[in-house]
Amino acid sequence: MSDREVIRQDAADWVIRSEIAGFPDRATFEIWLSADPRHGAAFDKARALWSELDGVALRCDQPPPARRSRNLKPRRMVVGAIAASLVTMIGVGMSDEFLIVLKADLRTSAGMHLDHRLPDGTVIELDDASAVSLKFTDNERRLQLLKGQVFVDAAPVNSREHRPFIVEAANGEIRALGTSFNVNKAATAVDVTAVTHRVKVTTTGPATPNHRPTLSPGQALRYGADGGIVTRTLSPALATAWRHDRLILDRVTLSEACAILRRHSDAPIRLLDDKGGALSISGVFDARDIEGTLRLIAREHDLRLVKLPLLGFFLT
């Protein structure tokens, strides 16, 4: 990747961060800005694009595929692809969702957040299309994140509450050493962010590290099915922007972006273009205007957005 592309990516990231109330990373931004005269120009250009798109910034981290004629995919091919995708939606998606419904103690649908106080005084907030199960015993307080995202403000361990608070997500466990943290269960990985105080993360799998990392406020990590852990610095305001109906995508693939948007959409969203799914997207989006976001993505990447009654959105 060239220096110019790196600077362009960094500028887009800073535009996103600057939109967070209070701009908590301002000092670091000033250091970045003064490090190279090209940084200021790139930031101004990214900011202008932000304004032009009326509050939505998009970035493609790799060149899009060659422009295609709209005639290369006849209507019957599009319809065929949609029909084939419905088999997967009905055969696999419905069975997974049914199991989650059976297990869940608390769950939400698209367009719905849920604030809930647990018997121990812990307060949790569920994101759209999320579900958790609860298991409180004499030895521990355990919350299993079945799907979606949860913000936890855990009642601390003290003289009256000796049981540790643990969130289980996929092949990992997050143990509260303080109060609040955020856990997001994506399609292939789990993201954990410490908001106040600390959390300890344990994973299982062939790539599980020997140590159990402890996150302090402003630190985050991602672990996958192999148990491997990647840590990074992340503003808690960015990690929890979803609580204010804002979706912040940071260099995710188009496939991952669709999965995130699907969580906030009443209608299904399917990506039928496998090559396009590898494109990288960053931006801040309105969680309550999913159709507008999809139309913008389709226009920027020369994709075709098809909306069918009862069946939802298809990007091809």
C-alpha atoms as a PDB file:
ATOM      1  CA  MET A   1       0.000   0.000   0.000  1.00  0.00           C
ATOM      2  CA  SER A   2       1.437   3.391  -0.976  1.00  0.00           C
ATOM      3  CA  ASP A   3       2.062   6.260   1.470  1.00  0.00           C
ATOM      4  CA  ARG A   4      -0.721   8.236  -0.193  1.00  0.00           C
ATOM      5  CA  GLU A   5      -3.233   5.431   0.372  1.00  0.00           C
ATOM      6  CA  VAL A   6      -2.176   5.093   4.017  1.00  0.00           C
ATOM      7  CA  ILE A   7      -2.591   8.841   4.551  1.00  0.00           C
ATOM      8  CA  ARG A   8      -5.993   8.765   2.843  1.00  0.00           C
ATOM      9  CA  GLN A   9      -7.143   5.906   5.103  1.00  0.00           C
ATOM     10  CA  ASP A  10      -5.869   7.660   8.233  1.00  0.00           C
ATOM     11  CA  ALA A  11      -7.621  10.886   7.203  1.00  0.00           C
ATOM     12  CA  ALA A  12     -10.926   9.051   6.766  1.00  0.00           C
ATOM     13  CA  ASP A  13     -10.491   7.490  10.209  1.00  0.00           C
ATOM     14  CA  TRP A  14      -9.870  10.893  11.804  1.00  0.00           C
ATOM     15  CA  VAL A  15     -12.985  12.346  10.182  1.00  0.00           C
ATOM     16  CA  ILE A  16     -14.974   9.491  11.731  1.00  0.00           C
ATOM     17  CA  ARG A  17     -13.423  10.006  15.166  1.00  0.00           C
ATOM     18  CA  SER A  18     -13.930  13.767  15.046  1.00  0.00           C
ATOM     19  CA  GLU A  19     -17.686  13.213  14.830  1.00  0.00           C
ATOM     20  CA  ILE A  20     -17.770  11.598  18.266  1.00  0.00           C
ATOM     21  CA  ALA A  21     -19.036  13.972  20.947  1.00  0.00           C
ATOM     22  CA  GLY A  22     -16.134  15.622  22.746  1.00  0.00           C
ATOM     23  CA  PHE A  23     -13.591  14.283  20.225  1.00  0.00           C
ATOM     24  CA  PRO A  24     -11.663  12.303  22.908  1.00  0.00           C
ATOM     25  CA  ASP A  25      -8.659  11.700  20.611  1.00  0.00           C
ATOM     26  CA  ARG A  26      -8.040  15.365  19.778  1.00  0.00           C
ATOM     27  CA  ALA A  27      -4.502  15.449  21.229  1.00  0.00           C
ATOM     28  CA  THR A  28      -3.431  12.436  19.173  1.00  0.00           C
ATOM     29  CA  PHE A  29      -5.092  13.967  16.124  1.00  0.00           C
ATOM     30  CA  GLU A  30      -3.060  17.176  16.513  1.00  0.00           C
ATOM     31  CA  ILE A  31       0.152  15.121  16.643  1.00  0.00           C
ATOM     32  CA  TRP A  32      -0.837  13.262  13.474  1.00  0.00           C
ATOM     33  CA  LEU A  33      -1.807  16.504  11.755  1.00  0.00           C
ATOM     34  CA  SER A  34       1.535  18.178  12.419  1.00  0.00           C
ATOM     35  CA  ALA A  35       3.626  15.129  11.465  1.00  0.00           C
ATOM     36  CA  ASP A  36       3.278  15.668   7.697  1.00  0.00           C
ATOM     37  CA  PRO A  37       1.907  18.589   5.652  1.00  0.00           C
ATOM     38  CA  ARG A  38       0.021  16.090   3.484  1.00  0.00           C
ATOM     39  CA  HIS A  39      -2.085  15.042   6.468  1.00  0.00           C
ATOM     40  CA  GLY A  40      -3.951  18.342   6.676  1.00  0.00           C
ATOM     41  CA  ALA A  41      -4.792  18.333   2.966  1.00  0.00           C
ATOM     42  CA  ALA A  42      -5.995  14.731   3.150  1.00  0.00           C
ATOM     43  CA  PHE A  43      -8.140  15.485   6.197  1.00  0.00           C
ATOM     44  CA  ASP A  44      -9.719  18.533   4.497  1.00  0.00           C
ATOM     45  CA  LYS A  45     -10.522  16.417   1.444  1.00  0.00           C
ATOM     46  CA  ALA A  46     -12.060  13.647   3.569  1.00  0.00           C
ATOM     47  CA  ARG A  47     -14.056  16.218   5.534  1.00  0.00           C
ATOM     48  CA  ALA A  48     -15.380  17.725   2.286  1.00  0.00           C
ATOM     49  CA  LEU A  49     -16.489  14.275   1.132  1.00  0.00           C
ATOM     50  CA  TRP A  50     -18.198  13.771   4.483  1.00  0.00           C
ATOM     51  CA  SER A  51     -20.185  16.976   4.021  1.00  0.00           C
ATOM     52  CA  GLU A  52     -21.047  16.100   0.441  1.00  0.00           C
ATOM     53  CA  LEU A  53     -22.467  12.760   1.500  1.00  0.00           C
ATOM     54  CA  ASP A  54     -24.527  14.435   4.210  1.00  0.00           C
ATOM     55  CA  GLY A  55     -22.888  12.800   7.165  1.00  0.00           C
ATOM     56  CA  VAL A  56     -21.830   9.508   5.661  1.00  0.00           C
ATOM     57  CA  ALA A  57     -18.208   8.806   4.759  1.00  0.00           C
ATOM     58  CA  LEU A  58     -17.182   5.829   2.668  1.00  0.00           C
ATOM     59  CA  ARG A  59     -13.734   4.573   1.882  1.00  0.00           C
ATOM     60  CA  CYS A  60     -12.630   1.791  -0.460  1.00  0.00           C
ATOM     61  CA  ASP A  61      -9.240   0.400   0.639  1.00  0.00           C
ATOM     62  CA  GLN A  62      -8.637  -1.422  -2.614  1.00  0.00           C
ATOM     63  CA  PRO A  63      -9.439  -0.599  -6.218  1.00  0.00           C
ATOM     64  CA  PRO A  64     -12.967  -1.634  -7.171  1.00  0.00           C
ATOM     65  CA  PRO A  65     -13.283  -4.208  -9.933  1.00  0.00           C
ATOM     66  CA  ALA A  66     -13.423  -2.939 -13.483  1.00  0.00           C
ATOM     67  CA  ARG A  67     -16.636  -1.077 -14.239  1.00  0.00           C
ATOM     68  CA  ARG A  68     -19.235  -3.401 -15.611  1.00  0.00           C
ATOM     69  CA  SER A  69     -22.024  -2.868 -18.024  1.00  0.00           C
ATOM     70  CA  ARG A  70     -25.415  -3.261 -16.417  1.00  0.00           C
ATOM     71  CA  ASN A  71     -26.253  -5.609 -19.288  1.00  0.00           C
ATOM     72  CA  LEU A  72     -23.726  -8.226 -18.160  1.00  0.00           C
ATOM     73  CA  LYS A  73     -26.223  -9.603 -15.668  1.00  0.00           C
ATOM     74  CA  PRO A  74     -29.572 -10.204 -17.345  1.00  0.00           C
ATOM     75  CA  ARG A  75     -32.633 -10.006 -15.185  1.00  0.00           C
ATOM     76  CA  ARG A  76     -33.120 -13.770 -15.246  1.00  0.00           C
ATOM     77  CA  MET A  77     -29.604 -14.254 -13.780  1.00  0.00           C
ATOM     78  CA  VAL A  78     -30.342 -11.829 -10.968  1.00  0.00           C
ATOM     79  CA  VAL A  79     -33.661 -13.522 -10.248  1.00  0.00           C
ATOM     80  CA  GLY A  80     -31.935 -16.913 -10.283  1.00  0.00           C
ATOM     81  CA  ALA A  81     -29.340 -15.772  -7.786  1.00  0.00           C
ATOM     82  CA  ILE A  82     -32.040 -14.361  -5.531  1.00  0.00           C
ATOM     83  CA  ALA A  83     -34.007 -17.584  -5.698  1.00  0.00           C
ATOM     84  CA  ALA A  84     -30.921 -19.637  -4.828  1.00  0.00           C
ATOM     85  CA  SER A  85     -30.140 -17.406  -1.864  1.00  0.00           C
ATOM     86  CA  LEU A  86     -33.635 -17.926  -0.466  1.00  0.00           C
ATOM     87  CA  VAL A  87     -32.897 -21.638  -0.059  1.00  0.00           C
ATOM     88  CA  THR A  88     -29.987 -20.772   2.225  1.00  0.00           C
ATOM     89  CA  MET A  89     -32.010 -18.148   4.106  1.00  0.00           C
ATOM     90  CA  ILE A  90     -34.837 -20.568   4.804  1.00  0.00           C
ATOM     91  CA  GLY A  91     -32.836 -23.782   5.265  1.00  0.00           C
ATOM     92  CA  VAL A  92     -30.012 -22.505   7.481  1.00  0.00           C
ATOM     93  CA  GLY A  93     -30.919 -19.097   8.843  1.00  0.00           C
ATOM     94  CA  MET A  94     -34.315 -20.104  10.146  1.00  0.00           C
ATOM     95  CA  SER A  95     -32.987 -23.176  12.005  1.00  0.00           C
ATOM     96  CA  ASP A  96     -30.214 -21.146  13.689  1.00  0.00           C
ATOM     97  CA  GLU A  97     -32.661 -18.454  14.702  1.00  0.00           C
ATOM     98  CA  PHE A  98     -35.075 -21.030  16.101  1.00  0.00           C
ATOM     99  CA  LEU A  99     -32.357 -22.439  18.379  1.00  0.00           C
ATOM    100  CA  ILE A 100     -31.491 -18.951  19.608  1.00  0.00           C
ATOM    101  CA  VAL A 101     -35.149 -18.230  20.405  1.00  0.00           C
ATOM    102  CA  LEU A 102     -35.284 -21.413  22.478  1.00  0.00           C
ATOM    103  CA  LYS A 103     -32.156 -20.518  24.460  1.00  0.00           C
ATOM    104  CA  ALA A 104     -32.630 -16.775  24.900  1.00  0.00           C
ATOM    105  CA  ASP A 105     -33.830 -15.190  28.126  1.00  0.00           C
ATOM    106  CA  LEU A 106     -33.695 -11.714  26.589  1.00  0.00           C
ATOM    107  CA  ARG A 107     -33.669 -10.784  22.911  1.00  0.00           C
ATOM    108  CA  THR A 108     -34.384  -7.917  20.550  1.00  0.00           C
ATOM    109  CA  SER A 109     -35.448  -7.550  16.945  1.00  0.00           C
ATOM    110  CA  ALA A 110     -34.292  -5.077  14.287  1.00  0.00           C
ATOM    111  CA  GLY A 111     -34.862  -1.461  15.290  1.00  0.00           C
ATOM    112  CA  MET A 112     -35.118  -2.315  18.976  1.00  0.00           C
ATOM    113  CA  HIS A 113     -32.750  -1.661  21.897  1.00  0.00           C
ATOM    114  CA  LEU A 114     -33.393  -3.162  25.295  1.00  0.00           C
ATOM    115  CA  ASP A 115     -32.213  -1.824  28.666  1.00  0.00           C
ATOM    116  CA  HIS A 116     -32.594  -4.385  31.432  1.00  0.00           C
ATOM    117  CA  ARG A 117     -31.577  -4.555  35.081  1.00  0.00           C
ATOM    118  CA  LEU A 118     -30.540  -8.026  36.278  1.00  0.00           C
ATOM    119  CA  PRO A 119     -31.339  -9.368  39.761  1.00  0.00           C
ATOM    120  CA  ASP A 120     -27.822  -8.509  41.029  1.00  0.00           C
ATOM    121  CA  GLY A 121     -28.109  -4.858  39.941  1.00  0.00           C
ATOM    122  CA  THR A 122     -26.122  -5.247  36.715  1.00  0.00           C
ATOM    123  CA  VAL A 123     -27.562  -3.199  33.842  1.00  0.00           C
ATOM    124  CA  ILE A 124     -27.252  -4.437  30.277  1.00  0.00           C
ATOM    125  CA  GLU A 125     -28.232  -2.892  26.956  1.00  0.00           C
ATOM    126  CA  LEU A 126     -28.911  -5.127  23.976  1.00  0.00           C
ATOM    127  CA  ASP A 127     -28.324  -3.886  20.458  1.00  0.00           C
ATOM    128  CA  ASP A 128     -30.731  -4.566  17.593  1.00  0.00           C
ATOM    129  CA  ALA A 129     -31.234  -8.262  16.741  1.00  0.00           C
ATOM    130  CA  SER A 130     -29.338  -9.492  19.796  1.00  0.00           C
ATOM    131  CA  ALA A 131     -29.990 -12.258  22.295  1.00  0.00           C
ATOM    132  CA  VAL A 132     -28.567 -13.439  25.616  1.00  0.00           C
ATOM    133  CA  SER A 133     -29.158 -16.253  28.053  1.00  0.00           C
ATOM    134  CA  LEU A 134     -28.592 -15.928  31.803  1.00  0.00           C
ATOM    135  CA  LYS A 135     -27.284 -18.417  34.316  1.00  0.00           C
ATOM    136  CA  PHE A 136     -26.788 -17.129  37.855  1.00  0.00           C
ATOM    137  CA  THR A 137     -25.525 -19.693  40.374  1.00  0.00           C
ATOM    138  CA  ASP A 138     -24.030 -19.566  43.859  1.00  0.00           C
ATOM    139  CA  ASN A 139     -20.556 -19.382  42.290  1.00  0.00           C
ATOM    140  CA  GLU A 140     -20.875 -17.040  39.323  1.00  0.00           C
ATOM    141  CA  ARG A 141     -23.065 -14.700  37.319  1.00  0.00           C
ATOM    142  CA  ARG A 142     -22.894 -15.816  33.687  1.00  0.00           C
ATOM    143  CA  LEU A 143     -24.396 -14.145  30.622  1.00  0.00           C
ATOM    144  CA  GLN A 144     -24.084 -15.909  27.271  1.00  0.00           C
ATOM    145  CA  LEU A 145     -24.194 -13.659  24.197  1.00  0.00           C
ATOM    146  CA  LEU A 146     -26.014 -15.815  21.664  1.00  0.00           C
ATOM    147  CA  LYS A 147     -25.936 -13.211  18.903  1.00  0.00           C
ATOM    148  CA  GLY A 148     -25.508  -9.500  18.371  1.00  0.00           C
ATOM    149  CA  GLN A 149     -24.038  -6.980  20.783  1.00  0.00           C
ATOM    150  CA  VAL A 150     -24.347  -6.117  24.441  1.00  0.00           C
ATOM    151  CA  PHE A 151     -23.149  -3.297  26.697  1.00  0.00           C
ATOM    152  CA  VAL A 152     -22.658  -4.424  30.288  1.00  0.00           C
ATOM    153  CA  ASP A 153     -22.506  -2.229  33.379  1.00  0.00           C
ATOM    154  CA  ALA A 154     -21.724  -4.974  35.866  1.00  0.00           C
ATOM    155  CA  ALA A 155     -22.506  -4.763  39.554  1.00  0.00           C
ATOM    156  CA  PRO A 156     -19.016  -5.048  41.101  1.00  0.00           C
ATOM    157  CA  VAL A 157     -17.764  -7.780  43.387  1.00  0.00           C
ATOM    158  CA  ASN A 158     -17.895  -6.538  46.996  1.00  0.00           C
ATOM    159  CA  SER A 159     -18.731  -7.674  50.509  1.00  0.00           C
ATOM    160  CA  ARG A 160     -22.317  -8.375  49.505  1.00  0.00           C
ATOM    161  CA  GLU A 161     -21.631  -9.819  46.032  1.00  0.00           C
ATOM    162  CA  HIS A 162     -18.777 -12.323  45.830  1.00  0.00           C
ATOM    163  CA  ARG A 163     -19.673 -13.937  42.501  1.00  0.00           C
ATOM    164  CA  PRO A 164     -17.678 -12.896  39.405  1.00  0.00           C
ATOM    165  CA  PHE A 165     -19.586 -11.555  36.400  1.00  0.00           C
ATOM    166  CA  ILE A 166     -18.705 -13.402  33.180  1.00  0.00           C
ATOM    167  CA  VAL A 167     -19.879 -12.901  29.606  1.00  0.00           C
ATOM    168  CA  GLU A 168     -19.541 -15.942  27.366  1.00  0.00           C
ATOM    169  CA  ALA A 169     -19.338 -15.265  23.614  1.00  0.00           C
ATOM    170  CA  ALA A 170     -18.498 -18.025  21.134  1.00  0.00           C
ATOM    171  CA  ASN A 171     -15.202 -19.620  22.246  1.00  0.00           C
ATOM    172  CA  GLY A 172     -14.245 -16.939  24.748  1.00  0.00           C
ATOM    173  CA  GLU A 173     -15.102 -15.548  28.163  1.00  0.00           C
ATOM    174  CA  ILE A 174     -14.915 -11.954  29.378  1.00  0.00           C
ATOM    175  CA  ARG A 175     -14.607 -11.498  33.129  1.00  0.00           C
ATOM    176  CA  ALA A 176     -15.469  -8.122  34.619  1.00  0.00           C
ATOM    177  CA  LEU A 177     -12.773  -6.712  36.888  1.00  0.00           C
ATOM    178  CA  GLY A 178     -14.604  -3.406  37.171  1.00  0.00           C
ATOM    179  CA  THR A 179     -17.865  -2.232  35.722  1.00  0.00           C
ATOM    180  CA  SER A 180     -18.689  -1.476  32.078  1.00  0.00           C
ATOM    181  CA  PHE A 181     -17.572  -3.072  28.815  1.00  0.00           C
ATOM    182  CA  ASN A 182     -18.905  -3.847  25.344  1.00  0.00           C
ATOM    183  CA  VAL A 183     -19.038  -7.221  23.564  1.00  0.00           C
ATOM    184  CA  ASN A 184     -19.944  -7.624  19.897  1.00  0.00           C
ATOM    185  CA  LYS A 185     -20.402 -11.083  18.399  1.00  0.00           C
ATOM    186  CA  ALA A 186     -19.845 -10.792  14.648  1.00  0.00           C
ATOM    187  CA  ALA A 187     -20.105 -13.537  12.048  1.00  0.00           C
ATOM    188  CA  THR A 188     -16.521 -14.790  12.384  1.00  0.00           C
ATOM    189  CA  ALA A 189     -15.085 -13.024  15.440  1.00  0.00           C
ATOM    190  CA  VAL A 190     -15.884 -11.380  18.770  1.00  0.00           C
ATOM    191  CA  ASP A 191     -14.893  -7.797  19.653  1.00  0.00           C
ATOM    192  CA  VAL A 192     -14.396  -6.765  23.279  1.00  0.00           C
ATOM    193  CA  THR A 193     -13.858  -3.186  24.487  1.00  0.00           C
ATOM    194  CA  ALA A 194     -13.186  -2.052  28.048  1.00  0.00           C
ATOM    195  CA  VAL A 195     -15.135   1.143  28.796  1.00  0.00           C
ATOM    196  CA  THR A 196     -14.544   1.746  32.503  1.00  0.00           C
ATOM    197  CA  HIS A 197     -12.139  -0.259  34.670  1.00  0.00           C
ATOM    198  CA  ARG A 198     -10.777  -3.558  33.345  1.00  0.00           C
ATOM    199  CA  VAL A 199     -11.830  -6.918  31.908  1.00  0.00           C
ATOM    200  CA  LYS A 200      -9.937 -10.190  31.530  1.00  0.00           C
ATOM    201  CA  VAL A 201     -10.411 -12.281  28.386  1.00  0.00           C
ATOM    202  CA  THR A 202      -9.920 -16.034  28.036  1.00  0.00           C
ATOM    203  CA  THR A 203     -10.237 -17.938  24.760  1.00  0.00           C
ATOM    204  CA  THR A 204     -10.024 -21.553  23.624  1.00  0.00           C
ATOM    205  CA  GLY A 205      -8.592 -22.855  20.353  1.00  0.00           C
ATOM    206  CA  PRO A 206      -5.307 -23.837  18.682  1.00  0.00           C
ATOM    207  CA  ALA A 207      -4.055 -20.231  18.624  1.00  0.00           C
ATOM    208  CA  THR A 208      -4.995 -19.386  22.211  1.00  0.00           C
ATOM    209  CA  PRO A 209      -2.217 -17.306  23.838  1.00  0.00           C
ATOM    210  CA  ASN A 210      -0.479 -18.561  26.968  1.00  0.00           C
ATOM    211  CA  HIS A 211      -1.492 -15.473  28.920  1.00  0.00           C
ATOM    212  CA  ARG A 212      -4.969 -14.109  29.600  1.00  0.00           C
ATOM    213  CA  PRO A 213      -4.980 -10.503  28.390  1.00  0.00           C
ATOM    214  CA  THR A 214      -6.435  -7.816  30.640  1.00  0.00           C
ATOM    215  CA  LEU A 215      -7.939  -4.761  28.962  1.00  0.00           C
ATOM    216  CA  SER A 216      -7.927  -1.293  30.481  1.00  0.00           C
ATOM    217  CA  PRO A 217     -10.341   1.490  29.434  1.00  0.00           C
ATOM    218  CA  GLY A 218      -9.748   2.437  25.813  1.00  0.00           C
ATOM    219  CA  GLN A 219      -8.299  -0.964  24.932  1.00  0.00           C
ATOM    220  CA  ALA A 220     -10.012  -3.532  22.745  1.00  0.00           C
ATOM    221  CA  LEU A 221      -9.351  -6.921  21.254  1.00  0.00           C
ATOM    222  CA  ARG A 222     -10.776  -9.323  18.705  1.00  0.00           C
ATOM    223  CA  TYR A 223     -10.658 -13.102  18.896  1.00  0.00           C
ATOM    224  CA  GLY A 224     -11.647 -15.661  16.299  1.00  0.00           C
ATOM    225  CA  ALA A 225     -12.647 -19.312  16.237  1.00  0.00           C
ATOM    226  CA  ASP A 226      -8.997 -20.386  16.552  1.00  0.00           C
ATOM    227  CA  GLY A 227      -8.667 -18.537  19.862  1.00  0.00           C
ATOM    228  CA  GLY A 228      -6.109 -16.103  18.486  1.00  0.00           C
ATOM    229  CA  ILE A 229      -6.251 -12.574  19.902  1.00  0.00           C
ATOM    230  CA  VAL A 230      -5.486  -9.227  18.254  1.00  0.00           C
ATOM    231  CA  THR A 231      -5.393  -6.173  20.539  1.00  0.00           C
ATOM    232  CA  ARG A 232      -5.768  -2.503  19.642  1.00  0.00           C
ATOM    233  CA  THR A 233      -6.543   0.911  21.080  1.00  0.00           C
ATOM    234  CA  LEU A 234     -10.143   2.030  20.610  1.00  0.00           C
ATOM    235  CA  SER A 235     -12.066   4.950  22.046  1.00  0.00           C
ATOM    236  CA  PRO A 236     -14.996   3.652  24.143  1.00  0.00           C
ATOM    237  CA  ALA A 237     -17.146   6.286  22.422  1.00  0.00           C
ATOM    238  CA  LEU A 238     -16.498   4.597  19.075  1.00  0.00           C
ATOM    239  CA  ALA A 239     -17.212   1.110  20.397  1.00  0.00           C
ATOM    240  CA  THR A 240     -20.511   2.170  21.959  1.00  0.00           C
ATOM    241  CA  ALA A 241     -21.744   4.589  19.265  1.00  0.00           C
ATOM    242  CA  TRP A 242     -24.442   2.019  18.419  1.00  0.00           C
ATOM    243  CA  ARG A 243     -26.163   2.991  21.664  1.00  0.00           C
ATOM    244  CA  HIS A 244     -26.916   6.329  19.972  1.00  0.00           C
ATOM    245  CA  ASP A 245     -28.106   4.745  16.705  1.00  0.00           C
ATOM    246  CA  ARG A 246     -24.798   5.315  14.922  1.00  0.00           C
ATOM    247  CA  LEU A 247     -22.972   2.534  13.098  1.00  0.00           C
ATOM    248  CA  ILE A 248     -19.219   2.996  12.788  1.00  0.00           C
ATOM    249  CA  LEU A 249     -17.520   0.688  10.307  1.00  0.00           C
ATOM    250  CA  ASP A 250     -13.738   0.603  10.373  1.00  0.00           C
ATOM    251  CA  ARG A 251     -12.163  -1.130   7.372  1.00  0.00           C
ATOM    252  CA  VAL A 252     -14.626  -4.009   7.270  1.00  0.00           C
ATOM    253  CA  THR A 253     -15.348  -5.963   4.121  1.00  0.00           C
ATOM    254  CA  LEU A 254     -18.563  -5.346   2.249  1.00  0.00           C
ATOM    255  CA  SER A 255     -19.709  -8.801   3.348  1.00  0.00           C
ATOM    256  CA  GLU A 256     -19.108  -7.870   6.990  1.00  0.00           C
ATOM    257  CA  ALA A 257     -20.794  -4.498   6.459  1.00  0.00           C
ATOM    258  CA  CYS A 258     -23.912  -6.243   5.135  1.00  0.00           C
ATOM    259  CA  ALA A 259     -23.941  -8.527   8.169  1.00  0.00           C
ATOM    260  CA  ILE A 260     -23.808  -5.496  10.476  1.00  0.00           C
ATOM    261  CA  LEU A 261     -26.504  -3.639   8.546  1.00  0.00           C
ATOM    262  CA  ARG A 262     -28.662  -6.767   8.551  1.00  0.00           C
ATOM    263  CA  ARG A 263     -28.805  -6.571  12.329  1.00  0.00           C
ATOM    264  CA  HIS A 264     -30.558  -3.197  12.075  1.00  0.00           C
ATOM    265  CA  SER A 265     -32.878  -3.955   9.170  1.00  0.00           C
ATOM    266  CA  ASP A 266     -36.438  -5.243   9.334  1.00  0.00           C
ATOM    267  CA  ALA A 267     -35.916  -6.667   5.844  1.00  0.00           C
ATOM    268  CA  PRO A 268     -33.267  -9.297   4.964  1.00  0.00           C
ATOM    269  CA  ILE A 269     -30.073  -8.123   3.241  1.00  0.00           C
ATOM    270  CA  ARG A 270     -28.164 -10.428   0.901  1.00  0.00           C
ATOM    271  CA  LEU A 271     -24.911  -9.819  -0.977  1.00  0.00           C
ATOM    272  CA  LEU A 272     -24.912 -11.797  -4.228  1.00  0.00           C
ATOM    273  CA  ASP A 273     -21.624 -10.450  -5.625  1.00  0.00           C
ATOM    274  CA  ASP A 274     -18.801 -12.552  -4.115  1.00  0.00           C
ATOM    275  CA  LYS A 275     -16.004 -10.397  -5.543  1.00  0.00           C
ATOM    276  CA  GLY A 276     -17.622  -7.201  -4.346  1.00  0.00           C
ATOM    277  CA  GLY A 277     -17.833  -8.704  -0.880  1.00  0.00           C
ATOM    278  CA  ALA A 278     -14.079  -8.241  -0.450  1.00  0.00           C
ATOM    279  CA  LEU A 279     -14.215  -4.455  -0.830  1.00  0.00           C
ATOM    280  CA  SER A 280     -13.287  -2.544   2.331  1.00  0.00           C
ATOM    281  CA  ILE A 281     -15.677  -0.004   3.828  1.00  0.00           C
ATOM    282  CA  SER A 282     -15.291   2.622   6.538  1.00  0.00           C
ATOM    283  CA  GLY A 283     -17.828   5.181   7.611  1.00  0.00           C
ATOM    284  CA  VAL A 284     -20.407   6.433  10.046  1.00  0.00           C
ATOM    285  CA  PHE A 285     -23.978   5.496   9.256  1.00  0.00           C
ATOM    286  CA  ASP A 286     -27.457   6.138  10.589  1.00  0.00           C
ATOM    287  CA  ALA A 287     -28.744   2.868  12.032  1.00  0.00           C
ATOM    288  CA  ARG A 288     -32.308   3.995  11.307  1.00  0.00           C
ATOM    289  CA  ASP A 289     -31.765   4.559   7.571  1.00  0.00           C
ATOM    290  CA  ILE A 290     -30.501   1.216   6.316  1.00  0.00           C
ATOM    291  CA  GLU A 291     -32.045   1.552   2.874  1.00  0.00           C
ATOM    292  CA  GLY A 292     -30.318   4.902   2.344  1.00  0.00           C
ATOM    293  CA  THR A 293     -27.004   3.386   3.420  1.00  0.00           C
ATOM    294  CA  LEU A 294     -27.405   0.452   1.048  1.00  0.00           C
ATOM    295  CA  ARG A 295     -28.216   2.748  -1.872  1.00  0.00           C
ATOM    296  CA  LEU A 296     -25.108   4.787  -1.191  1.00  0.00           C
ATOM    297  CA  ILE A 297     -22.908   1.678  -1.006  1.00  0.00           C
ATOM    298  CA  ALA A 298     -24.409   0.361  -4.241  1.00  0.00           C
ATOM    299  CA  ARG A 299     -23.783   3.653  -6.032  1.00  0.00           C
ATOM    300  CA  GLU A 300     -20.213   3.997  -4.784  1.00  0.00           C
ATOM    301  CA  HIS A 301     -19.241   0.469  -5.798  1.00  0.00           C
ATOM    302  CA  ASP A 302     -21.235   0.099  -9.014  1.00  0.00           C
ATOM    303  CA  LEU A 303     -23.484  -2.540  -7.495  1.00  0.00           C
ATOM    304  CA  ARG A 304     -27.140  -3.093  -8.181  1.00  0.00           C
ATOM    305  CA  LEU A 305     -29.581  -2.852  -5.288  1.00  0.00           C
ATOM    306  CA  VAL A 306     -32.804  -4.792  -5.718  1.00  0.00           C
ATOM    307  CA  LYS A 307     -35.617  -4.403  -3.205  1.00  0.00           C
ATOM    308  CA  LEU A 308     -38.375  -6.999  -3.342  1.00  0.00           C
ATOM    309  CA  PRO A 309     -41.574  -6.930  -1.266  1.00  0.00           C
ATOM    310  CA  LEU A 310     -41.396  -9.367   1.657  1.00  0.00           C
ATOM    311  CA  LEU A 311     -37.963 -10.681   0.523  1.00  0.00           C
ATOM    312  CA  GLY A 312     -35.813  -7.656   1.353  1.00  0.00           C
ATOM    313  CA  PHE A 313     -32.676  -6.183  -0.226  1.00  0.00           C
ATOM    314  CA  PHE A 314     -30.265  -7.850  -2.645  1.00  0.00           C
ATOM    315  CA  LEU A 315     -26.906  -6.361  -3.657  1.00  0.00           C
ATOM    316  CA  THR A 316     -25.588  -7.747  -6.915  1.00  0.00           C
END
